[in-house]
């Protein structure tokens, strides 16, 4: 399994209908999405691993198999488009499993 701790990956994060471009930064306790400055919707979204209850695959627009979802304990579904989906999901599952 690849260790993503203290690394970042390119990603899109869905905020409503907009797929906001940026990066996901992984650290010891969670992940932070940081948008590129050229997006209409900008900013950061922080997700602590302890708050994640479920992760899985999703297809972008029902067609492209490169998306993931991250459900948090507050019932919110975070939707991302990434590369290396399988490796990222394995990493996240290891973090939420304990």
PDB file of N, CA and C in Angstrom:
ATOM      1  N   UNK A   1       0.836  -1.175   0.000  1.00  0.00           N
ATOM      2  CA  UNK A   1       0.000   0.000   0.000  1.00  0.00           C
ATOM      3  C   UNK A   1       0.889   1.250   0.000  1.00  0.00           C
ATOM      4  N   UNK A   2       0.517   2.215  -0.814  1.00  0.00           N
ATOM      5  CA  UNK A   2       1.266   3.470  -0.874  1.00  0.00           C
ATOM      6  C   UNK A   2       0.909   4.345   0.326  1.00  0.00           C
ATOM      7  N   UNK A   3       1.930   4.951   0.913  1.00  0.00           N
ATOM      8  CA  UNK A   3       1.732   5.856   2.042  1.00  0.00           C
ATOM      9  C   UNK A   3       1.671   7.293   1.517  1.00  0.00           C
ATOM     10  N   UNK A   4       0.515   7.914   1.613  1.00  0.00           N
ATOM     11  CA  UNK A   4       0.332   9.274   1.114  1.00  0.00           C
ATOM     12  C   UNK A   4       0.617  10.345   2.170  1.00  0.00           C
ATOM     13  N   UNK A   5       0.965   9.951   3.386  1.00  0.00           N
ATOM     14  CA  UNK A   5       1.191  10.913   4.454  1.00  0.00           C
ATOM     15  C   UNK A   5       2.284  11.916   4.056  1.00  0.00           C
ATOM     16  N   UNK A   6       1.983  13.189   4.274  1.00  0.00           N
ATOM     17  CA  UNK A   6       2.879  14.302   3.950  1.00  0.00           C
ATOM     18  C   UNK A   6       3.149  14.442   2.452  1.00  0.00           C
ATOM     19  N   UNK A   7       2.148  14.052   1.655  1.00  0.00           N
ATOM     20  CA  UNK A   7       2.218  14.249   0.206  1.00  0.00           C
ATOM     21  C   UNK A   7       0.924  14.914  -0.249  1.00  0.00           C
ATOM     22  N   UNK A   8       0.895  15.286  -1.523  1.00  0.00           N
ATOM     23  CA  UNK A   8      -0.329  15.838  -2.096  1.00  0.00           C
ATOM     24  C   UNK A   8      -0.567  15.233  -3.466  1.00  0.00           C
ATOM     25  N   UNK A   9      -1.825  15.278  -3.894  1.00  0.00           N
ATOM     26  CA  UNK A   9      -2.204  14.796  -5.221  1.00  0.00           C
ATOM     27  C   UNK A   9      -3.125  15.822  -5.863  1.00  0.00           C
ATOM     28  N   UNK A  10      -3.122  15.860  -7.189  1.00  0.00           N
ATOM     29  CA  UNK A  10      -4.072  16.701  -7.912  1.00  0.00           C
ATOM     30  C   UNK A  10      -5.469  16.136  -7.732  1.00  0.00           C
ATOM     31  N   UNK A  11      -6.455  17.015  -7.635  1.00  0.00           N
ATOM     32  CA  UNK A  11      -7.830  16.559  -7.435  1.00  0.00           C
ATOM     33  C   UNK A  11      -8.811  17.645  -7.852  1.00  0.00           C
ATOM     34  N   UNK A  12     -10.012  17.225  -8.133  1.00  0.00           N
ATOM     35  CA  UNK A  12     -11.157  18.125  -8.252  1.00  0.00           C
ATOM     36  C   UNK A  12     -12.099  17.775  -7.116  1.00  0.00           C
ATOM     37  N   UNK A  13     -12.700  18.791  -6.518  1.00  0.00           N
ATOM     38  CA  UNK A  13     -13.627  18.616  -5.409  1.00  0.00           C
ATOM     39  C   UNK A  13     -14.953  19.255  -5.810  1.00  0.00           C
ATOM     40  N   UNK A  14     -16.022  18.481  -5.730  1.00  0.00           N
ATOM     41  CA  UNK A  14     -17.325  19.002  -6.130  1.00  0.00           C
ATOM     42  C   UNK A  14     -17.926  19.853  -5.019  1.00  0.00           C
ATOM     43  N   UNK A  15     -18.108  21.120  -5.323  1.00  0.00           N
ATOM     44  CA  UNK A  15     -18.844  22.047  -4.460  1.00  0.00           C
ATOM     45  C   UNK A  15     -20.089  22.420  -5.238  1.00  0.00           C
ATOM     46  N   UNK A  16     -21.179  21.712  -4.931  1.00  0.00           N
ATOM     47  CA  UNK A  16     -22.382  21.858  -5.741  1.00  0.00           C
ATOM     48  C   UNK A  16     -22.082  21.314  -7.122  1.00  0.00           C
ATOM     49  N   UNK A  17     -22.516  22.011  -8.167  1.00  0.00           N
ATOM     50  CA  UNK A  17     -22.283  21.507  -9.518  1.00  0.00           C
ATOM     51  C   UNK A  17     -20.870  21.775 -10.038  1.00  0.00           C
ATOM     52  N   UNK A  18     -20.108  22.615  -9.351  1.00  0.00           N
ATOM     53  CA  UNK A  18     -18.769  22.972  -9.830  1.00  0.00           C
ATOM     54  C   UNK A  18     -17.716  21.985  -9.336  1.00  0.00           C
ATOM     55  N   UNK A  19     -16.889  21.509 -10.267  1.00  0.00           N
ATOM     56  CA  UNK A  19     -15.734  20.693  -9.920  1.00  0.00           C
ATOM     57  C   UNK A  19     -14.562  21.644  -9.750  1.00  0.00           C
ATOM     58  N   UNK A  20     -14.213  21.907  -8.511  1.00  0.00           N
ATOM     59  CA  UNK A  20     -13.174  22.875  -8.177  1.00  0.00           C
ATOM     60  C   UNK A  20     -11.811  22.191  -8.267  1.00  0.00           C
ATOM     61  N   UNK A  21     -10.900  22.743  -9.049  1.00  0.00           N
ATOM     62  CA  UNK A  21      -9.569  22.168  -9.202  1.00  0.00           C
ATOM     63  C   UNK A  21      -8.654  22.550  -8.064  1.00  0.00           C
ATOM     64  N   UNK A  22      -7.770  21.618  -7.695  1.00  0.00           N
ATOM     65  CA  UNK A  22      -6.810  21.897  -6.635  1.00  0.00           C
ATOM     66  C   UNK A  22      -6.002  20.666  -6.288  1.00  0.00           C
ATOM     67  N   UNK A  23      -5.627  20.578  -5.012  1.00  0.00           N
ATOM     68  CA  UNK A  23      -4.840  19.448  -4.518  1.00  0.00           C
ATOM     69  C   UNK A  23      -5.383  18.982  -3.179  1.00  0.00           C
ATOM     70  N   UNK A  24      -5.205  17.686  -2.925  1.00  0.00           N
ATOM     71  CA  UNK A  24      -5.479  17.126  -1.603  1.00  0.00           C
ATOM     72  C   UNK A  24      -4.135  16.890  -0.924  1.00  0.00           C
ATOM     73  N   UNK A  25      -3.989  17.455   0.264  1.00  0.00           N
ATOM     74  CA  UNK A  25      -2.800  17.267   1.086  1.00  0.00           C
ATOM     75  C   UNK A  25      -3.136  16.287   2.205  1.00  0.00           C
ATOM     76  N   UNK A  26      -2.335  15.244   2.328  1.00  0.00           N
ATOM     77  CA  UNK A  26      -2.542  14.235   3.365  1.00  0.00           C
ATOM     78  C   UNK A  26      -1.520  14.444   4.478  1.00  0.00           C
ATOM     79  N   UNK A  27      -1.957  14.332   5.715  1.00  0.00           N
ATOM     80  CA  UNK A  27      -1.036  14.409   6.843  1.00  0.00           C
ATOM     81  C   UNK A  27      -1.375  13.313   7.849  1.00  0.00           C
ATOM     82  N   UNK A  28      -0.812  13.397   9.019  1.00  0.00           N
ATOM     83  CA  UNK A  28      -0.986  12.357  10.037  1.00  0.00           C
ATOM     84  C   UNK A  28      -2.432  12.172  10.484  1.00  0.00           C
ATOM     85  N   UNK A  29      -3.212  13.253  10.531  1.00  0.00           N
ATOM     86  CA  UNK A  29      -4.554  13.179  11.122  1.00  0.00           C
ATOM     87  C   UNK A  29      -5.703  13.404  10.142  1.00  0.00           C
ATOM     88  N   UNK A  30      -5.388  13.791   8.908  1.00  0.00           N
ATOM     89  CA  UNK A  30      -6.478  14.035   7.978  1.00  0.00           C
ATOM     90  C   UNK A  30      -6.006  14.472   6.609  1.00  0.00           C
ATOM     91  N   UNK A  31      -6.962  14.961   5.839  1.00  0.00           N
ATOM     92  CA  UNK A  31      -6.699  15.415   4.478  1.00  0.00           C
ATOM     93  C   UNK A  31      -7.319  16.794   4.289  1.00  0.00           C
ATOM     94  N   UNK A  32      -6.649  17.637   3.500  1.00  0.00           N
ATOM     95  CA  UNK A  32      -7.124  18.988   3.244  1.00  0.00           C
ATOM     96  C   UNK A  32      -7.133  19.229   1.750  1.00  0.00           C
ATOM     97  N   UNK A  33      -8.290  19.606   1.221  1.00  0.00           N
ATOM     98  CA  UNK A  33      -8.364  20.020  -0.180  1.00  0.00           C
ATOM     99  C   UNK A  33      -8.133  21.520  -0.237  1.00  0.00           C
ATOM    100  N   UNK A  34      -7.197  21.946  -1.081  1.00  0.00           N
ATOM    101  CA  UNK A  34      -6.916  23.369  -1.291  1.00  0.00           C
ATOM    102  C   UNK A  34      -7.128  23.679  -2.760  1.00  0.00           C
ATOM    103  N   UNK A  35      -7.993  24.641  -3.037  1.00  0.00           N
ATOM    104  CA  UNK A  35      -8.318  24.974  -4.425  1.00  0.00           C
ATOM    105  C   UNK A  35      -7.221  25.814  -5.068  1.00  0.00           C
ATOM    106  N   UNK A  36      -7.161  25.735  -6.403  1.00  0.00           N
ATOM    107  CA  UNK A  36      -6.302  26.633  -7.168  1.00  0.00           C
ATOM    108  C   UNK A  36      -6.902  28.030  -7.105  1.00  0.00           C
ATOM    109  N   UNK A  37      -6.107  29.038  -7.298  1.00  0.00           N
ATOM    110  CA  UNK A  37      -6.570  30.423  -7.212  1.00  0.00           C
ATOM    111  C   UNK A  37      -7.470  30.843  -8.361  1.00  0.00           C
ATOM    112  N   UNK A  38      -7.483  30.088  -9.454  1.00  0.00           N
ATOM    113  CA  UNK A  38      -8.264  30.476 -10.626  1.00  0.00           C
ATOM    114  C   UNK A  38      -9.720  30.022 -10.583  1.00  0.00           C
ATOM    115  N   UNK A  39     -10.117  29.295  -9.565  1.00  0.00           N
ATOM    116  CA  UNK A  39     -11.491  28.807  -9.459  1.00  0.00           C
ATOM    117  C   UNK A  39     -12.435  29.916  -9.002  1.00  0.00           C
ATOM    118  N   UNK A  40     -13.698  29.773  -9.361  1.00  0.00           N
ATOM    119  CA  UNK A  40     -14.719  30.692  -8.864  1.00  0.00           C
ATOM    120  C   UNK A  40     -14.898  30.473  -7.367  1.00  0.00           C
ATOM    121  N   UNK A  41     -15.063  29.207  -6.980  1.00  0.00           N
ATOM    122  CA  UNK A  41     -15.163  28.861  -5.560  1.00  0.00           C
ATOM    123  C   UNK A  41     -13.769  28.483  -5.075  1.00  0.00           C
ATOM    124  N   UNK A  42     -13.256  29.228  -4.113  1.00  0.00           N
ATOM    125  CA  UNK A  42     -11.913  28.970  -3.614  1.00  0.00           C
ATOM    126  C   UNK A  42     -11.955  28.632  -2.128  1.00  0.00           C
ATOM    127  N   UNK A  43     -10.838  28.144  -1.633  1.00  0.00           N
ATOM    128  CA  UNK A  43     -10.734  27.872  -0.213  1.00  0.00           C
ATOM    129  C   UNK A  43     -10.259  26.469   0.072  1.00  0.00           C
ATOM    130  N   UNK A  44     -10.370  26.114   1.347  1.00  0.00           N
ATOM    131  CA  UNK A  44      -9.910  24.815   1.827  1.00  0.00           C
ATOM    132  C   UNK A  44     -11.053  24.040   2.467  1.00  0.00           C
ATOM    133  N   UNK A  45     -10.962  22.725   2.368  1.00  0.00           N
ATOM    134  CA  UNK A  45     -11.881  21.829   3.072  1.00  0.00           C
ATOM    135  C   UNK A  45     -11.032  20.806   3.806  1.00  0.00           C
ATOM    136  N   UNK A  46     -11.194  20.737   5.112  1.00  0.00           N
ATOM    137  CA  UNK A  46     -10.425  19.817   5.953  1.00  0.00           C
ATOM    138  C   UNK A  46     -11.318  18.659   6.374  1.00  0.00           C
ATOM    139  N   UNK A  47     -10.791  17.433   6.249  1.00  0.00           N
ATOM    140  CA  UNK A  47     -11.496  16.231   6.692  1.00  0.00           C
ATOM    141  C   UNK A  47     -10.539  15.444   7.580  1.00  0.00           C
ATOM    142  N   UNK A  48     -10.894  15.288   8.831  1.00  0.00           N
ATOM    143  CA  UNK A  48     -10.096  14.479   9.762  1.00  0.00           C
ATOM    144  C   UNK A  48     -10.423  13.002   9.518  1.00  0.00           C
ATOM    145  N   UNK A  49      -9.413  12.141   9.574  1.00  0.00           N
ATOM    146  CA  UNK A  49      -9.651  10.710   9.366  1.00  0.00           C
ATOM    147  C   UNK A  49     -10.654  10.165  10.381  1.00  0.00           C
ATOM    148  N   UNK A  50     -10.601  10.644  11.606  1.00  0.00           N
ATOM    149  CA  UNK A  50     -11.509  10.143  12.654  1.00  0.00           C
ATOM    150  C   UNK A  50     -12.973  10.467  12.346  1.00  0.00           C
ATOM    151  N   UNK A  51     -13.215  11.458  11.466  1.00  0.00           N
ATOM    152  CA  UNK A  51     -14.577  11.842  11.103  1.00  0.00           C
ATOM    153  C   UNK A  51     -15.119  11.088   9.895  1.00  0.00           C
ATOM    154  N   UNK A  52     -14.269  10.302   9.235  1.00  0.00           N
ATOM    155  CA  UNK A  52     -14.690   9.549   8.048  1.00  0.00           C
ATOM    156  C   UNK A  52     -15.333   8.240   8.480  1.00  0.00           C
ATOM    157  N   UNK A  53     -16.504   7.952   7.934  1.00  0.00           N
ATOM    158  CA  UNK A  53     -17.152   6.682   8.256  1.00  0.00           C
ATOM    159  C   UNK A  53     -17.161   5.720   7.066  1.00  0.00           C
ATOM    160  N   UNK A  54     -16.983   6.249   5.843  1.00  0.00           N
ATOM    161  CA  UNK A  54     -17.041   5.376   4.672  1.00  0.00           C
ATOM    162  C   UNK A  54     -16.375   6.067   3.493  1.00  0.00           C
ATOM    163  N   UNK A  55     -15.631   5.294   2.691  1.00  0.00           N
ATOM    164  CA  UNK A  55     -15.055   5.782   1.440  1.00  0.00           C
ATOM    165  C   UNK A  55     -15.357   4.767   0.352  1.00  0.00           C
ATOM    166  N   UNK A  56     -15.388   5.222  -0.892  1.00  0.00           N
ATOM    167  CA  UNK A  56     -15.651   4.295  -1.976  1.00  0.00           C
ATOM    168  C   UNK A  56     -15.493   4.933  -3.338  1.00  0.00           C
ATOM    169  N   UNK A  57     -15.723   4.110  -4.355  1.00  0.00           N
ATOM    170  CA  UNK A  57     -15.608   4.541  -5.743  1.00  0.00           C
ATOM    171  C   UNK A  57     -16.879   5.237  -6.205  1.00  0.00           C
ATOM    172  N   UNK A  58     -16.703   6.209  -7.084  1.00  0.00           N
ATOM    173  CA  UNK A  58     -17.831   6.814  -7.779  1.00  0.00           C
ATOM    174  C   UNK A  58     -17.348   7.178  -9.161  1.00  0.00           C
ATOM    175  N   UNK A  59     -18.264   7.193 -10.101  1.00  0.00           N
ATOM    176  CA  UNK A  59     -17.928   7.555 -11.468  1.00  0.00           C
ATOM    177  C   UNK A  59     -18.336   8.990 -11.737  1.00  0.00           C
ATOM    178  N   UNK A  60     -17.450   9.737 -12.347  1.00  0.00           N
ATOM    179  CA  UNK A  60     -17.736  11.120 -12.680  1.00  0.00           C
ATOM    180  C   UNK A  60     -18.704  11.161 -13.853  1.00  0.00           C
ATOM    181  N   UNK A  61     -19.785  11.877 -13.680  1.00  0.00           N
ATOM    182  CA  UNK A  61     -20.829  11.992 -14.704  1.00  0.00           C
ATOM    183  C   UNK A  61     -21.350  10.629 -15.150  1.00  0.00           C
ATOM    184  N   UNK A  62     -21.203   9.633 -14.284  1.00  0.00           N
ATOM    185  CA  UNK A  62     -21.689   8.297 -14.594  1.00  0.00           C
ATOM    186  C   UNK A  62     -20.836   7.542 -15.592  1.00  0.00           C
ATOM    187  N   UNK A  63     -19.734   8.142 -16.036  1.00  0.00           N
ATOM    188  CA  UNK A  63     -18.952   7.531 -17.106  1.00  0.00           C
ATOM    189  C   UNK A  63     -17.498   7.248 -16.738  1.00  0.00           C
ATOM    190  N   UNK A  64     -16.841   8.207 -16.159  1.00  0.00           N
ATOM    191  CA  UNK A  64     -15.397   8.120 -15.965  1.00  0.00           C
ATOM    192  C   UNK A  64     -15.081   7.515 -14.596  1.00  0.00           C
ATOM    193  N   UNK A  65     -14.368   6.385 -14.570  1.00  0.00           N
ATOM    194  CA  UNK A  65     -14.088   5.700 -13.296  1.00  0.00           C
ATOM    195  C   UNK A  65     -12.874   6.257 -12.557  1.00  0.00           C
ATOM    196  N   UNK A  66     -12.947   7.519 -12.153  1.00  0.00           N
ATOM    197  CA  UNK A  66     -11.812   8.113 -11.444  1.00  0.00           C
ATOM    198  C   UNK A  66     -12.241   8.936 -10.234  1.00  0.00           C
ATOM    199  N   UNK A  67     -13.445   8.704  -9.769  1.00  0.00           N
ATOM    200  CA  UNK A  67     -13.943   9.468  -8.636  1.00  0.00           C
ATOM    201  C   UNK A  67     -13.993   8.648  -7.367  1.00  0.00           C
ATOM    202  N   UNK A  68     -13.983   9.364  -6.240  1.00  0.00           N
ATOM    203  CA  UNK A  68     -14.184   8.724  -4.942  1.00  0.00           C
ATOM    204  C   UNK A  68     -15.177   9.565  -4.136  1.00  0.00           C
ATOM    205  N   UNK A  69     -15.804   8.919  -3.171  1.00  0.00           N
ATOM    206  CA  UNK A  69     -16.613   9.658  -2.198  1.00  0.00           C
ATOM    207  C   UNK A  69     -16.033   9.403  -0.820  1.00  0.00           C
ATOM    208  N   UNK A  70     -16.201  10.386   0.048  1.00  0.00           N
ATOM    209  CA  UNK A  70     -15.785  10.294   1.438  1.00  0.00           C
ATOM    210  C   UNK A  70     -16.977  10.745   2.269  1.00  0.00           C
ATOM    211  N   UNK A  71     -17.611   9.803   2.968  1.00  0.00           N
ATOM    212  CA  UNK A  71     -18.724  10.138   3.854  1.00  0.00           C
ATOM    213  C   UNK A  71     -18.174  10.424   5.247  1.00  0.00           C
ATOM    214  N   UNK A  72     -18.616  11.525   5.821  1.00  0.00           N
ATOM    215  CA  UNK A  72     -18.210  11.861   7.180  1.00  0.00           C
ATOM    216  C   UNK A  72     -19.362  11.585   8.140  1.00  0.00           C
ATOM    217  N   UNK A  73     -19.043  11.511   9.401  1.00  0.00           N
ATOM    218  CA  UNK A  73     -20.029  11.145  10.432  1.00  0.00           C
ATOM    219  C   UNK A  73     -21.184  12.132  10.547  1.00  0.00           C
ATOM    220  N   UNK A  74     -21.012  13.334  10.030  1.00  0.00           N
ATOM    221  CA  UNK A  74     -22.108  14.309  10.042  1.00  0.00           C
ATOM    222  C   UNK A  74     -23.082  14.099   8.883  1.00  0.00           C
ATOM    223  N   UNK A  75     -22.866  13.031   8.076  1.00  0.00           N
ATOM    224  CA  UNK A  75     -23.766  12.701   6.978  1.00  0.00           C
ATOM    225  C   UNK A  75     -23.431  13.370   5.662  1.00  0.00           C
ATOM    226  N   UNK A  76     -22.308  14.091   5.585  1.00  0.00           N
ATOM    227  CA  UNK A  76     -21.946  14.805   4.367  1.00  0.00           C
ATOM    228  C   UNK A  76     -21.141  13.898   3.444  1.00  0.00           C
ATOM    229  N   UNK A  77     -21.440  13.982   2.156  1.00  0.00           N
ATOM    230  CA  UNK A  77     -20.689  13.230   1.144  1.00  0.00           C
ATOM    231  C   UNK A  77     -19.760  14.186   0.408  1.00  0.00           C
ATOM    232  N   UNK A  78     -18.465  13.976   0.556  1.00  0.00           N
ATOM    233  CA  UNK A  78     -17.460  14.739  -0.168  1.00  0.00           C
ATOM    234  C   UNK A  78     -17.140  13.960  -1.445  1.00  0.00           C
ATOM    235  N   UNK A  79     -17.163  14.631  -2.590  1.00  0.00           N
ATOM    236  CA  UNK A  79     -16.939  13.976  -3.880  1.00  0.00           C
ATOM    237  C   UNK A  79     -15.682  14.547  -4.527  1.00  0.00           C
ATOM    238  N   UNK A  80     -14.786  13.636  -4.929  1.00  0.00           N
ATOM    239  CA  UNK A  80     -13.518  14.024  -5.535  1.00  0.00           C
ATOM    240  C   UNK A  80     -13.306  13.290  -6.849  1.00  0.00           C
ATOM    241  N   UNK A  81     -12.535  13.895  -7.736  1.00  0.00           N
ATOM    242  CA  UNK A  81     -12.007  13.243  -8.927  1.00  0.00           C
ATOM    243  C   UNK A  81     -10.495  13.236  -8.761  1.00  0.00           C
ATOM    244  N   UNK A  82      -9.899  12.057  -8.879  1.00  0.00           N
ATOM    245  CA  UNK A  82      -8.462  11.902  -8.638  1.00  0.00           C
ATOM    246  C   UNK A  82      -7.879  10.878  -9.605  1.00  0.00           C
ATOM    247  N   UNK A  83      -6.567  10.818  -9.661  1.00  0.00           N
ATOM    248  CA  UNK A  83      -5.856   9.726 -10.316  1.00  0.00           C
ATOM    249  C   UNK A  83      -5.464   8.731  -9.240  1.00  0.00           C
ATOM    250  N   UNK A  84      -5.118   7.528  -9.629  1.00  0.00           N
ATOM    251  CA  UNK A  84      -4.685   6.475  -8.693  1.00  0.00           C
ATOM    252  C   UNK A  84      -5.750   6.192  -7.638  1.00  0.00           C
ATOM    253  N   UNK A  85      -6.984   6.088  -8.104  1.00  0.00           N
ATOM    254  CA  UNK A  85      -8.119   5.907  -7.193  1.00  0.00           C
ATOM    255  C   UNK A  85      -7.950   4.707  -6.269  1.00  0.00           C
ATOM    256  N   UNK A  86      -7.515   3.586  -6.801  1.00  0.00           N
ATOM    257  CA  UNK A  86      -7.394   2.375  -5.988  1.00  0.00           C
ATOM    258  C   UNK A  86      -6.417   2.580  -4.833  1.00  0.00           C
ATOM    259  N   UNK A  87      -5.254   3.166  -5.121  1.00  0.00           N
ATOM    260  CA  UNK A  87      -4.240   3.378  -4.091  1.00  0.00           C
ATOM    261  C   UNK A  87      -4.710   4.374  -3.028  1.00  0.00           C
ATOM    262  N   UNK A  88      -5.378   5.433  -3.447  1.00  0.00           N
ATOM    263  CA  UNK A  88      -5.872   6.428  -2.491  1.00  0.00           C
ATOM    264  C   UNK A  88      -6.947   5.821  -1.597  1.00  0.00           C
ATOM    265  N   UNK A  89      -7.853   5.039  -2.180  1.00  0.00           N
ATOM    266  CA  UNK A  89      -8.891   4.392  -1.380  1.00  0.00           C
ATOM    267  C   UNK A  89      -8.280   3.414  -0.365  1.00  0.00           C
ATOM    268  N   UNK A  90      -7.275   2.656  -0.776  1.00  0.00           N
ATOM    269  CA  UNK A  90      -6.609   1.739   0.156  1.00  0.00           C
ATOM    270  C   UNK A  90      -5.991   2.514   1.322  1.00  0.00           C
ATOM    271  N   UNK A  91      -5.362   3.634   1.002  1.00  0.00           N
ATOM    272  CA  UNK A  91      -4.752   4.452   2.043  1.00  0.00           C
ATOM    273  C   UNK A  91      -5.805   4.984   3.004  1.00  0.00           C
ATOM    274  N   UNK A  92      -6.886   5.544   2.476  1.00  0.00           N
ATOM    275  CA  UNK A  92      -7.939   6.092   3.335  1.00  0.00           C
ATOM    276  C   UNK A  92      -8.601   5.004   4.172  1.00  0.00           C
ATOM    277  N   UNK A  93      -8.835   3.846   3.574  1.00  0.00           N
ATOM    278  CA  UNK A  93      -9.444   2.754   4.336  1.00  0.00           C
ATOM    279  C   UNK A  93      -8.541   2.308   5.483  1.00  0.00           C
ATOM    280  N   UNK A  94      -7.231   2.336   5.270  1.00  0.00           N
ATOM    281  CA  UNK A  94      -6.323   1.971   6.356  1.00  0.00           C
ATOM    282  C   UNK A  94      -6.375   3.001   7.476  1.00  0.00           C
ATOM    283  N   UNK A  95      -6.607   4.252   7.144  1.00  0.00           N
ATOM    284  CA  UNK A  95      -6.656   5.318   8.153  1.00  0.00           C
ATOM    285  C   UNK A  95      -7.953   5.261   8.966  1.00  0.00           C
ATOM    286  N   UNK A  96      -9.044   4.900   8.328  1.00  0.00           N
ATOM    287  CA  UNK A  96     -10.315   4.881   9.070  1.00  0.00           C
ATOM    288  C   UNK A  96     -10.519   3.552   9.799  1.00  0.00           C
ATOM    289  N   UNK A  97      -9.756   2.527   9.409  1.00  0.00           N
ATOM    290  CA  UNK A  97      -9.879   1.224  10.063  1.00  0.00           C
ATOM    291  C   UNK A  97      -9.139   1.192  11.395  1.00  0.00           C
ATOM    292  N   UNK A  98      -8.333   2.181  11.627  1.00  0.00           N
ATOM    293  CA  UNK A  98      -7.671   2.212  12.926  1.00  0.00           C
ATOM    294  C   UNK A  98      -6.202   2.290  12.804  1.00  0.00           C
TER     295      UNK A  98
END
